[in-house]
Amino acid sequence: MNTLLPSIVIVGRPNVGKSTLFNRLTGTRRSIVTNEPGITRDRIYGTAEWEGRAFEVVDTGGIVPEDKAGIPGEILRQARIAIDNAACVVQVVDGRAGLLPLDAELTRLLRRAGKPPVIAVNKADSAKHADLAAPFYRLGAAVFPVSAEHGIGVDELLDAVTAGFPASDGHQTRPELNIAIIGRPNVGKSTLLNRLAGAERAIVSAEPGTTRDAVDTVIERNGSSYRFLDTAGIRRKGKTKLIAEKLSVMMARRHLESADVALLVVDASVGVTSHDATIASYAEQSGRSVIIVMNKWDLALQASREKAARTKRDGSAPSAKMSPGRLLSEYEPIIRSKLKFLSYAPIAFLSALTGERVEPLYELLNRVAEARNRRISTGELNRWLASVDLDRGTSPTSRRLKIYYVTQAKVAPPTFVLFTNQVAPLHFSYQRFLENQLRNAFDFTGTPIRFTQRLRKIGRGRRDTRSE
């Protein structure tokens, strides 16, 4: 959340088009839009600019003022947090449905909170629908007929709500590091976001699948900016039935593609499952840097101690005190064996609920971000290459490998071009050998490494080709 910008908060009862308006104002598809009510539950943040005035836009979950139980109650509480910090509140209503008692009750609630709203009468898709706004003048607020889907009337709405906003100074900076928090449902992703943010930014519930949109927040810390995205829990295809859930999984994978680093959250009390490994493969294949976060570490330690106590009572084996260090030494090899393709990813053992071991995660994020953008000069790379015994690498090819030189083509992730005597791509096992040698020489903690090979010409008139 950028506290330097004035904030427009979009509120309304469920399924009136709040997320459509949010996407229209921000020029993005950050919020999921379907006909199913109750999709947005957390606060979704975006930025926009109108006539040289920059501002923040906040999408909130559908509010039912009198429903205080469970997730609806949490939605109302989350919305109130946003409303308290709002420069302007836009209440979206459904013009085709007419003025409903819930709309009037929400307007009264906002007035009591000292935030009288501007009314956006949505679904006025043409000039002939402008009269849909007439009943809403009884709410005693400024009324604007709009079509969030088609953009009709949005200009007039923006002119009104941004009139008092300061002109943008043109120096808005993008957060330095985008971090996607990914994992199965109910492993503690939202709890981790709240702990990192030091505030309740995401709804936390024992009900799996509480987060549906990607909830993001920007944290300024020691001169650095971190944008955390708490994505929806990625379910197996067979377990995903509702349209909203299918879309949320799709959006989670899309937001992963826009991140720099993925925090893969795993329930340490359960261990690494095949589903965790599948989600981890999404991050690796997309070229994201990865930190494996073993959350609920306190529960894993407690379970191990209880097991040791039972063993002592049964007298089946000598009992040994289960210290955190000992459990770590036993636990980490198991994780590595199940996530072999993430051998480069550091592992953080923590408890998001208690805050134990969460603080060092920032230092680890900085290290991984630095490694992701590390550039090695061609001179350094070729001095490294001269020190590598290339005959140690194993490959099915019978042709003796020669690497004439290597250079780095790009960062994020680090990608290296190999000039060789080969006429076919290097075997993956040999690329893995080169990667291991490179990692031993340079710190590429947490980031994948890519190789591009410049193949030798074959015959007259043939051009060089590249292979990854």
Protein backbone atom coordinates (compact mmCIF):
# COMPACT_ATOMS: atom_id res chain seq x y z
CA MET A 1 0.00 0.00 0.00
CA ASN A 2 1.42 3.37 -1.03
CA THR A 3 0.51 5.76 1.79
CA LEU A 4 1.88 8.74 -0.17
CA LEU A 5 -1.02 8.64 -2.65
CA PRO A 6 -4.63 9.64 -1.94
CA SER A 7 -6.84 6.58 -1.78
CA ILE A 8 -10.15 5.85 -3.53
CA VAL A 9 -11.93 2.93 -1.86
CA ILE A 10 -14.59 1.03 -3.81
CA VAL A 11 -17.36 -0.46 -1.68
CA GLY A 12 -20.76 -2.01 -2.25
CA ARG A 13 -22.88 -5.05 -1.62
CA PRO A 14 -21.89 -8.31 -3.37
CA ASN A 15 -21.95 -8.64 -7.16
CA VAL A 16 -22.63 -5.02 -8.16
CA GLY A 17 -19.46 -4.66 -10.29
CA LYS A 18 -16.85 -3.33 -7.84
CA SER A 19 -14.03 -5.45 -9.26
CA THR A 20 -14.95 -4.49 -12.82
CA LEU A 21 -14.70 -0.82 -11.86
CA PHE A 22 -11.38 -1.46 -10.07
CA ASN A 23 -9.96 -3.10 -13.20
CA ARG A 24 -11.27 -0.24 -15.33
CA LEU A 25 -9.65 2.45 -13.15
CA THR A 26 -6.30 0.69 -12.79
CA GLY A 27 -6.13 -0.57 -16.37
CA THR A 28 -5.40 -4.08 -15.12
CA ARG A 29 -7.08 -7.42 -14.52
CA ARG A 30 -5.97 -7.63 -10.89
CA SER A 31 -9.41 -8.47 -9.51
CA ILE A 32 -11.31 -11.57 -10.58
CA VAL A 33 -14.62 -10.83 -12.28
CA THR A 34 -17.40 -13.44 -12.58
CA ASN A 35 -21.15 -13.61 -12.04
CA GLU A 36 -20.59 -15.55 -8.83
CA PRO A 37 -21.01 -13.27 -5.78
CA GLY A 38 -18.44 -13.03 -3.01
CA ILE A 39 -15.30 -13.43 -5.14
CA THR A 40 -13.32 -10.54 -3.67
CA ARG A 41 -12.77 -11.04 0.06
CA ASP A 42 -9.56 -9.20 0.93
CA ARG A 43 -8.54 -5.66 0.07
CA ILE A 44 -6.98 -5.43 -3.41
CA TYR A 45 -4.70 -2.46 -4.12
CA GLY A 46 -3.77 -0.79 -7.39
CA THR A 47 -2.61 2.59 -8.64
CA ALA A 48 -4.03 4.85 -11.32
CA GLU A 49 -3.64 8.34 -12.77
CA TRP A 50 -6.21 10.80 -14.11
CA GLU A 51 -5.43 14.17 -15.65
CA GLY A 52 -1.98 14.24 -14.07
CA ARG A 53 -3.20 13.20 -10.60
CA ALA A 54 -1.96 9.85 -9.28
CA PHE A 55 -3.98 7.95 -6.71
CA GLU A 56 -4.45 4.55 -5.13
CA VAL A 57 -7.52 2.38 -5.78
CA VAL A 58 -8.73 -0.20 -3.25
CA ASP A 59 -11.21 -2.95 -4.12
CA THR A 60 -13.05 -4.41 -1.14
CA GLY A 61 -15.20 -7.48 -0.67
CA GLY A 62 -18.98 -7.32 -0.99
CA ILE A 63 -20.32 -5.80 2.23
CA VAL A 64 -23.45 -7.01 4.01
CA PRO A 65 -23.59 -4.61 7.02
CA GLU A 66 -25.64 -6.83 9.35
CA ASP A 67 -23.81 -10.10 8.61
CA LYS A 68 -21.09 -10.30 11.28
CA ALA A 69 -20.38 -14.04 11.18
CA GLY A 70 -17.41 -15.83 9.64
CA ILE A 71 -15.93 -14.60 6.37
CA PRO A 72 -18.63 -11.91 5.72
CA GLY A 73 -17.71 -10.37 9.08
CA GLU A 74 -14.02 -10.43 8.14
CA ILE A 75 -14.82 -8.78 4.79
CA LEU A 76 -16.62 -5.96 6.63
CA ARG A 77 -13.68 -5.52 9.01
CA GLN A 78 -11.18 -5.47 6.14
CA ALA A 79 -13.29 -2.91 4.28
CA ARG A 80 -13.48 -0.66 7.36
CA ILE A 81 -9.69 -0.61 7.60
CA ALA A 82 -9.52 0.67 4.01
CA ILE A 83 -12.36 3.14 4.53
CA ASP A 84 -10.63 4.70 7.55
CA ASN A 85 -7.67 5.64 5.31
CA ALA A 86 -9.72 6.72 2.27
CA ALA A 87 -9.60 10.14 0.68
CA CYS A 88 -12.81 9.25 -1.15
CA VAL A 89 -15.26 6.35 -0.99
CA VAL A 90 -17.10 5.25 -4.15
CA GLN A 91 -20.17 3.15 -3.40
CA VAL A 92 -21.08 0.99 -6.38
CA VAL A 93 -24.75 0.05 -6.81
CA ASP A 94 -26.57 -2.00 -9.45
CA GLY A 95 -28.77 0.34 -11.48
CA ARG A 96 -30.75 -2.52 -13.01
CA ALA A 97 -31.61 -3.96 -9.60
CA GLY A 98 -32.71 -0.55 -8.31
CA LEU A 99 -32.26 0.92 -4.85
CA LEU A 100 -32.21 -1.91 -2.29
CA PRO A 101 -32.36 -1.63 1.50
CA LEU A 102 -28.76 -2.97 1.72
CA ASP A 103 -27.56 -0.05 -0.45
CA ALA A 104 -29.24 2.49 1.82
CA GLU A 105 -27.93 0.79 4.96
CA LEU A 106 -24.36 0.84 3.60
CA THR A 107 -24.67 4.55 2.76
CA ARG A 108 -25.81 5.25 6.34
CA LEU A 109 -22.90 3.15 7.70
CA LEU A 110 -20.41 5.18 5.65
CA ARG A 111 -21.88 8.48 6.81
CA ARG A 112 -21.64 7.38 10.45
CA ALA A 113 -17.97 6.53 9.79
CA GLY A 114 -17.40 10.10 8.54
CA LYS A 115 -16.93 8.96 4.92
CA PRO A 116 -20.01 10.04 2.92
CA PRO A 117 -19.79 8.19 -0.40
CA VAL A 118 -20.02 9.12 -4.05
CA ILE A 119 -22.59 6.81 -5.69
CA ALA A 120 -21.62 5.04 -8.92
CA VAL A 121 -24.76 3.57 -10.47
CA ASN A 122 -23.29 0.70 -12.45
CA LYS A 123 -24.64 -1.19 -15.49
CA ALA A 124 -25.95 1.97 -17.17
CA ASP A 125 -24.61 0.67 -20.47
CA SER A 126 -26.13 3.29 -22.78
CA ALA A 127 -27.69 6.75 -22.73
CA LYS A 128 -31.18 5.25 -22.46
CA HIS A 129 -30.14 3.66 -19.15
CA ALA A 130 -29.20 7.01 -17.59
CA ASP A 131 -32.59 7.15 -15.86
CA LEU A 132 -31.54 4.09 -13.82
CA ALA A 133 -29.74 6.55 -11.55
CA ALA A 134 -32.90 8.44 -10.55
CA PRO A 135 -33.90 6.36 -7.47
CA PHE A 136 -30.42 6.70 -5.96
CA TYR A 137 -30.65 10.49 -5.54
CA ARG A 138 -32.76 9.70 -2.47
CA LEU A 139 -29.51 8.65 -0.75
CA GLY A 140 -28.52 12.33 -0.60
CA ALA A 141 -25.14 11.87 -2.29
CA ALA A 142 -23.50 12.77 -5.61
CA VAL A 143 -24.71 10.22 -8.18
CA PHE A 144 -22.95 9.16 -11.42
CA PRO A 145 -24.44 6.63 -13.87
CA VAL A 146 -21.59 4.48 -15.22
CA SER A 147 -20.85 1.28 -17.05
CA ALA A 148 -17.71 -0.17 -15.51
CA GLU A 149 -17.60 -2.85 -18.20
CA HIS A 150 -17.72 -0.42 -21.15
CA GLY A 151 -16.20 2.68 -19.53
CA ILE A 152 -19.31 4.85 -20.04
CA GLY A 153 -19.53 7.69 -17.51
CA VAL A 154 -16.24 6.80 -15.80
CA ASP A 155 -14.56 10.02 -16.98
CA GLU A 156 -17.18 12.16 -15.22
CA LEU A 157 -16.85 10.05 -12.07
CA LEU A 158 -13.05 10.48 -12.04
CA ASP A 159 -13.31 14.24 -12.63
CA ALA A 160 -15.43 14.52 -9.51
CA VAL A 161 -13.56 12.22 -7.12
CA THR A 162 -10.03 13.38 -8.03
CA ALA A 163 -10.75 17.12 -8.15
CA GLY A 164 -8.97 17.80 -4.86
CA PHE A 165 -6.06 15.42 -5.39
CA PRO A 166 -2.57 16.91 -5.80
CA ALA A 167 -0.84 16.77 -9.17
CA SER A 168 1.59 13.89 -9.57
CA ASP A 169 5.26 14.84 -9.21
CA GLY A 170 6.28 12.26 -11.80
CA HIS A 171 8.65 10.49 -9.43
CA GLN A 172 6.62 7.44 -8.49
CA THR A 173 8.98 4.47 -8.26
CA ARG A 174 8.17 0.83 -8.83
CA PRO A 175 8.86 -1.50 -5.92
CA GLU A 176 12.29 -3.04 -6.22
CA LEU A 177 11.24 -6.59 -5.51
CA ASN A 178 8.01 -8.43 -6.35
CA ILE A 179 7.43 -11.49 -4.19
CA ALA A 180 4.66 -14.04 -4.81
CA ILE A 181 3.58 -16.11 -1.81
CA ILE A 182 2.48 -19.44 -3.29
CA GLY A 183 1.42 -22.82 -1.96
CA ARG A 184 -1.44 -25.21 -1.30
CA PRO A 185 -4.62 -23.92 0.39
CA ASN A 186 -4.43 -23.42 4.15
CA VAL A 187 -0.65 -23.67 4.60
CA GLY A 188 -0.44 -20.18 6.16
CA LYS A 189 0.20 -17.86 3.20
CA SER A 190 -2.11 -15.08 4.43
CA THR A 191 -0.78 -15.39 7.99
CA LEU A 192 2.75 -14.97 6.63
CA LEU A 193 1.75 -11.88 4.64
CA ASN A 194 0.17 -10.33 7.73
CA ARG A 195 3.26 -11.11 9.81
CA LEU A 196 5.60 -9.62 7.20
CA ALA A 197 3.40 -6.53 6.83
CA GLY A 198 2.92 -6.11 10.58
CA ALA A 199 -0.80 -5.67 9.96
CA GLU A 200 -3.86 -7.72 9.09
CA ARG A 201 -3.81 -7.25 5.32
CA ALA A 202 -5.34 -10.60 4.37
CA ILE A 203 -8.25 -12.54 5.81
CA VAL A 204 -7.06 -15.56 7.79
CA SER A 205 -9.50 -18.43 8.24
CA ALA A 206 -9.36 -22.17 8.89
CA GLU A 207 -11.56 -22.57 5.81
CA PRO A 208 -9.35 -23.59 2.85
CA GLY A 209 -9.56 -21.28 -0.15
CA THR A 210 -10.35 -18.10 1.81
CA THR A 211 -8.04 -16.05 -0.43
CA ARG A 212 -9.30 -15.92 -4.00
CA ASP A 213 -7.79 -12.75 -5.46
CA ALA A 214 -4.08 -12.06 -5.15
CA VAL A 215 -3.71 -9.71 -2.18
CA ASP A 216 -0.74 -7.41 -2.47
CA THR A 217 0.94 -4.94 -0.18
CA VAL A 218 4.08 -2.83 -0.43
CA ILE A 219 6.40 -2.73 2.56
CA GLU A 220 9.14 -0.13 2.93
CA ARG A 221 11.99 -1.45 5.03
CA ASN A 222 15.52 -0.11 5.54
CA GLY A 223 15.34 1.88 2.32
CA SER A 224 14.07 -1.04 0.21
CA SER A 225 10.60 -1.73 -1.17
CA TYR A 226 8.98 -5.15 -1.23
CA ARG A 227 5.69 -5.91 -2.93
CA PHE A 228 4.21 -9.10 -1.51
CA LEU A 229 1.44 -10.92 -3.38
CA ASP A 230 -0.54 -13.43 -1.35
CA THR A 231 -1.95 -15.64 -4.08
CA ALA A 232 -4.89 -18.02 -3.83
CA GLY A 233 -4.07 -21.55 -2.73
CA ILE A 234 -3.32 -23.59 -5.85
CA ARG A 235 -5.55 -26.65 -5.77
CA ARG A 236 -5.38 -29.81 -7.84
CA LYS A 237 -7.49 -29.62 -10.99
CA GLY A 238 -9.80 -32.37 -9.75
CA LYS A 239 -10.43 -30.46 -6.50
CA THR A 240 -11.29 -27.18 -8.26
CA LYS A 241 -15.01 -27.03 -8.98
CA LEU A 242 -16.38 -23.48 -8.71
CA ILE A 243 -15.66 -21.01 -11.50
CA ALA A 244 -14.21 -18.62 -8.92
CA GLU A 245 -11.77 -21.26 -7.70
CA LYS A 246 -10.69 -22.16 -11.24
CA LEU A 247 -10.08 -18.47 -12.01
CA SER A 248 -8.22 -17.89 -8.75
CA VAL A 249 -5.81 -20.74 -9.52
CA MET A 250 -5.26 -19.39 -13.02
CA MET A 251 -4.65 -15.89 -11.65
CA ALA A 252 -2.25 -17.22 -9.01
CA ARG A 253 -0.10 -18.74 -11.74
CA ARG A 254 -0.30 -15.53 -13.76
CA HIS A 255 0.83 -13.42 -10.78
CA LEU A 256 3.69 -15.85 -10.22
CA GLU A 257 4.89 -15.03 -13.74
CA SER A 258 5.10 -11.32 -12.83
CA ALA A 259 7.09 -11.89 -9.63
CA ASP A 260 10.84 -11.87 -9.07
CA VAL A 261 10.90 -14.25 -6.11
CA ALA A 262 8.45 -16.96 -5.05
CA LEU A 263 8.02 -17.87 -1.41
CA LEU A 264 6.91 -21.49 -1.60
CA VAL A 265 5.00 -22.02 1.66
CA VAL A 266 4.82 -25.62 2.91
CA ASP A 267 3.10 -26.91 6.05
CA ALA A 268 6.03 -28.28 8.06
CA SER A 269 3.70 -30.23 10.33
CA VAL A 270 2.57 -32.23 7.28
CA GLY A 271 5.77 -32.28 5.25
CA VAL A 272 6.37 -31.87 1.51
CA THR A 273 3.53 -33.43 -0.49
CA SER A 274 3.36 -34.25 -4.19
CA HIS A 275 1.07 -31.25 -4.59
CA ASP A 276 3.74 -28.99 -3.02
CA ALA A 277 6.25 -30.39 -5.54
CA THR A 278 3.90 -29.63 -8.43
CA ILE A 279 3.46 -26.02 -7.31
CA ALA A 280 7.24 -25.73 -6.84
CA SER A 281 7.72 -26.88 -10.43
CA TYR A 282 5.53 -23.98 -11.64
CA ALA A 283 7.95 -21.53 -10.02
CA GLU A 284 11.06 -23.28 -11.34
CA GLN A 285 9.73 -23.55 -14.89
CA SER A 286 8.75 -19.87 -14.94
CA GLY A 287 12.30 -18.81 -14.02
CA ARG A 288 11.37 -17.32 -10.64
CA SER A 289 13.86 -17.31 -7.81
CA VAL A 290 12.58 -19.48 -4.97
CA ILE A 291 12.75 -19.63 -1.17
CA ILE A 292 11.21 -22.70 0.44
CA VAL A 293 9.31 -21.59 3.55
CA MET A 294 8.57 -24.41 5.98
CA ASN A 295 5.77 -22.79 7.94
CA LYS A 296 4.19 -24.10 11.19
CA TRP A 297 7.66 -25.17 12.31
CA ASP A 298 6.54 -24.82 15.92
CA LEU A 299 3.91 -27.52 15.32
CA ALA A 300 6.44 -29.83 13.68
CA LEU A 301 8.81 -29.43 16.63
CA GLN A 302 5.99 -30.02 19.12
CA ALA A 303 4.89 -33.18 17.29
CA SER A 304 8.45 -34.52 17.29
CA ARG A 305 8.82 -33.90 21.02
CA GLU A 306 5.50 -35.62 21.73
CA LYS A 307 6.63 -38.60 19.65
CA ALA A 308 9.90 -38.78 21.59
CA ALA A 309 7.97 -38.64 24.88
CA ARG A 310 5.69 -41.50 23.78
CA THR A 311 8.71 -43.55 22.77
CA LYS A 312 10.26 -43.01 26.20
CA ARG A 313 7.04 -44.07 27.96
CA ASP A 314 6.72 -47.18 25.80
CA GLY A 315 10.34 -48.10 26.47
CA SER A 316 10.71 -49.20 22.84
CA ALA A 317 13.91 -47.22 22.26
CA PRO A 318 16.23 -44.85 24.12
CA SER A 319 14.80 -41.35 24.24
CA ALA A 320 16.76 -38.37 23.00
CA LYS A 321 15.76 -34.77 23.56
CA MET A 322 14.47 -33.37 20.27
CA SER A 323 16.15 -29.98 19.90
CA PRO A 324 15.33 -27.61 17.02
CA GLY A 325 18.84 -28.07 15.64
CA ARG A 326 18.57 -31.84 15.64
CA LEU A 327 15.15 -31.78 13.98
CA LEU A 328 16.48 -29.41 11.32
CA SER A 329 19.37 -31.75 10.52
CA GLU A 330 16.92 -34.63 10.10
CA TYR A 331 14.25 -32.66 8.26
CA GLU A 332 16.25 -30.80 5.60
CA PRO A 333 17.52 -33.90 3.71
CA ILE A 334 13.92 -35.12 3.42
CA ILE A 335 12.87 -31.80 1.89
CA ARG A 336 15.80 -31.86 -0.52
CA SER A 337 14.99 -35.40 -1.65
CA LYS A 338 11.40 -34.42 -2.50
CA LEU A 339 12.32 -31.14 -4.21
CA LYS A 340 15.53 -32.15 -6.00
CA PHE A 341 14.96 -29.69 -8.84
CA LEU A 342 15.06 -26.83 -6.27
CA SER A 343 18.47 -27.76 -4.88
CA TYR A 344 19.53 -24.11 -5.24
CA ALA A 345 16.61 -22.78 -3.15
CA PRO A 346 17.37 -21.87 0.49
CA ILE A 347 15.01 -23.22 3.15
CA ALA A 348 13.53 -21.03 5.90
CA PHE A 349 11.99 -22.76 8.93
CA LEU A 350 9.54 -20.45 10.70
CA SER A 351 6.16 -19.94 12.31
CA ALA A 352 4.10 -17.18 10.73
CA LEU A 353 1.57 -17.46 13.56
CA THR A 354 4.04 -16.79 16.39
CA GLY A 355 6.54 -14.76 14.36
CA GLU A 356 9.40 -17.12 15.24
CA ARG A 357 12.23 -16.95 12.64
CA VAL A 358 10.22 -14.62 10.33
CA GLU A 359 12.53 -11.60 10.70
CA PRO A 360 15.56 -13.21 8.95
CA LEU A 361 13.38 -13.79 5.88
CA TYR A 362 13.99 -10.19 4.76
CA GLU A 363 17.77 -10.71 4.77
CA LEU A 364 17.32 -13.91 2.79
CA LEU A 365 15.08 -12.11 0.28
CA ASN A 366 17.76 -9.46 -0.23
CA ARG A 367 20.41 -12.11 -0.82
CA VAL A 368 18.26 -14.00 -3.33
CA ALA A 369 17.33 -10.76 -5.15
CA GLU A 370 20.99 -9.81 -5.42
CA ALA A 371 21.86 -13.26 -6.78
CA ARG A 372 19.03 -13.08 -9.31
CA ASN A 373 20.47 -9.87 -10.75
CA ARG A 374 24.15 -10.81 -10.42
CA ARG A 375 26.19 -10.17 -13.58
CA ILE A 376 29.58 -11.83 -14.04
CA SER A 377 32.02 -10.22 -16.48
CA THR A 378 33.18 -12.23 -19.48
CA GLY A 379 36.74 -12.09 -18.15
CA GLU A 380 35.72 -13.59 -14.80
CA LEU A 381 33.65 -16.27 -16.49
CA ASN A 382 36.44 -17.41 -18.74
CA ARG A 383 38.95 -17.49 -15.88
CA TRP A 384 36.43 -19.71 -14.11
CA LEU A 385 36.05 -21.84 -17.26
CA ALA A 386 39.82 -22.38 -17.44
CA SER A 387 39.73 -23.83 -13.92
CA VAL A 388 36.97 -26.37 -14.69
CA ASP A 389 37.92 -29.92 -15.62
CA LEU A 390 35.43 -30.37 -18.45
CA ASP A 391 36.24 -34.08 -18.76
CA ARG A 392 34.61 -34.65 -15.35
CA GLY A 393 31.20 -33.95 -16.81
CA THR A 394 29.24 -36.95 -18.03
CA SER A 395 27.31 -36.95 -21.29
CA PRO A 396 26.07 -39.66 -23.66
CA THR A 397 27.79 -38.00 -26.62
CA SER A 398 31.08 -39.48 -27.78
CA ARG A 399 32.39 -36.21 -29.11
CA ARG A 400 34.86 -34.62 -26.65
CA LEU A 401 33.44 -31.32 -25.47
CA LYS A 402 35.29 -28.08 -25.92
CA ILE A 403 33.91 -24.81 -24.62
CA TYR A 404 35.75 -21.99 -26.34
CA TYR A 405 34.34 -19.29 -24.13
CA VAL A 406 31.27 -18.26 -22.16
CA THR A 407 29.51 -14.95 -21.63
CA GLN A 408 26.48 -13.82 -19.67
CA ALA A 409 23.57 -12.74 -21.86
CA LYS A 410 21.14 -11.46 -19.21
CA VAL A 411 20.04 -11.53 -15.59
CA ALA A 412 16.77 -12.43 -13.83
CA PRO A 413 17.38 -15.28 -14.17
CA PRO A 414 21.11 -15.36 -14.99
CA THR A 415 21.53 -16.73 -18.51
CA PHE A 416 24.86 -17.76 -20.03
CA VAL A 417 25.86 -18.35 -23.66
CA LEU A 418 28.27 -21.24 -24.32
CA PHE A 419 30.37 -21.31 -27.49
CA THR A 420 31.28 -24.97 -28.06
CA ASN A 421 32.51 -27.44 -30.66
CA GLN A 422 29.24 -29.39 -30.47
CA VAL A 423 26.77 -29.81 -33.32
CA ALA A 424 23.93 -30.87 -30.99
CA PRO A 425 22.66 -29.44 -27.71
CA LEU A 426 24.49 -30.43 -24.54
CA HIS A 427 22.91 -33.25 -22.57
CA PHE A 428 20.97 -32.04 -19.53
CA SER A 429 23.34 -33.95 -17.22
CA TYR A 430 26.31 -31.99 -18.57
CA GLN A 431 24.45 -28.71 -18.19
CA ARG A 432 23.76 -29.69 -14.59
CA PHE A 433 27.48 -30.36 -14.09
CA LEU A 434 28.34 -26.90 -15.46
CA GLU A 435 25.65 -25.31 -13.30
CA ASN A 436 27.04 -26.94 -10.16
CA GLN A 437 30.56 -25.74 -11.00
CA LEU A 438 29.25 -22.21 -11.63
CA ARG A 439 27.36 -22.16 -8.34
CA ASN A 440 30.47 -23.31 -6.49
CA ALA A 441 32.37 -20.31 -7.86
CA PHE A 442 29.68 -17.60 -7.66
CA ASP A 443 26.76 -16.95 -5.30
CA PHE A 444 23.53 -17.69 -7.17
CA THR A 445 21.52 -18.60 -4.07
CA GLY A 446 17.84 -19.10 -4.76
CA THR A 447 17.91 -18.37 -8.48
CA PRO A 448 17.71 -20.76 -11.41
CA ILE A 449 20.47 -20.64 -14.02
CA ARG A 450 19.85 -20.94 -17.75
CA PHE A 451 22.29 -21.91 -20.51
CA THR A 452 22.04 -21.01 -24.19
CA GLN A 453 24.37 -22.91 -26.50
CA ARG A 454 25.87 -21.59 -29.69
CA LEU A 455 26.21 -24.69 -31.87
CA ARG A 456 29.00 -25.29 -34.35
CA LYS A 457 28.25 -24.74 -38.05
CA ILE A 458 27.58 -27.85 -40.09
CA GLY A 459 28.68 -27.69 -43.70
CA ARG A 460 28.79 -24.76 -46.07
CA GLY A 461 26.11 -22.13 -45.95
CA ARG A 462 24.55 -23.31 -42.69
CA ARG A 463 23.94 -20.67 -40.03
CA ASP A 464 24.70 -20.91 -36.33
CA THR A 465 21.78 -22.06 -34.23
CA ARG A 466 21.05 -21.70 -30.57
CA SER A 467 19.75 -24.25 -28.13
CA GLU A 468 18.69 -23.94 -24.54
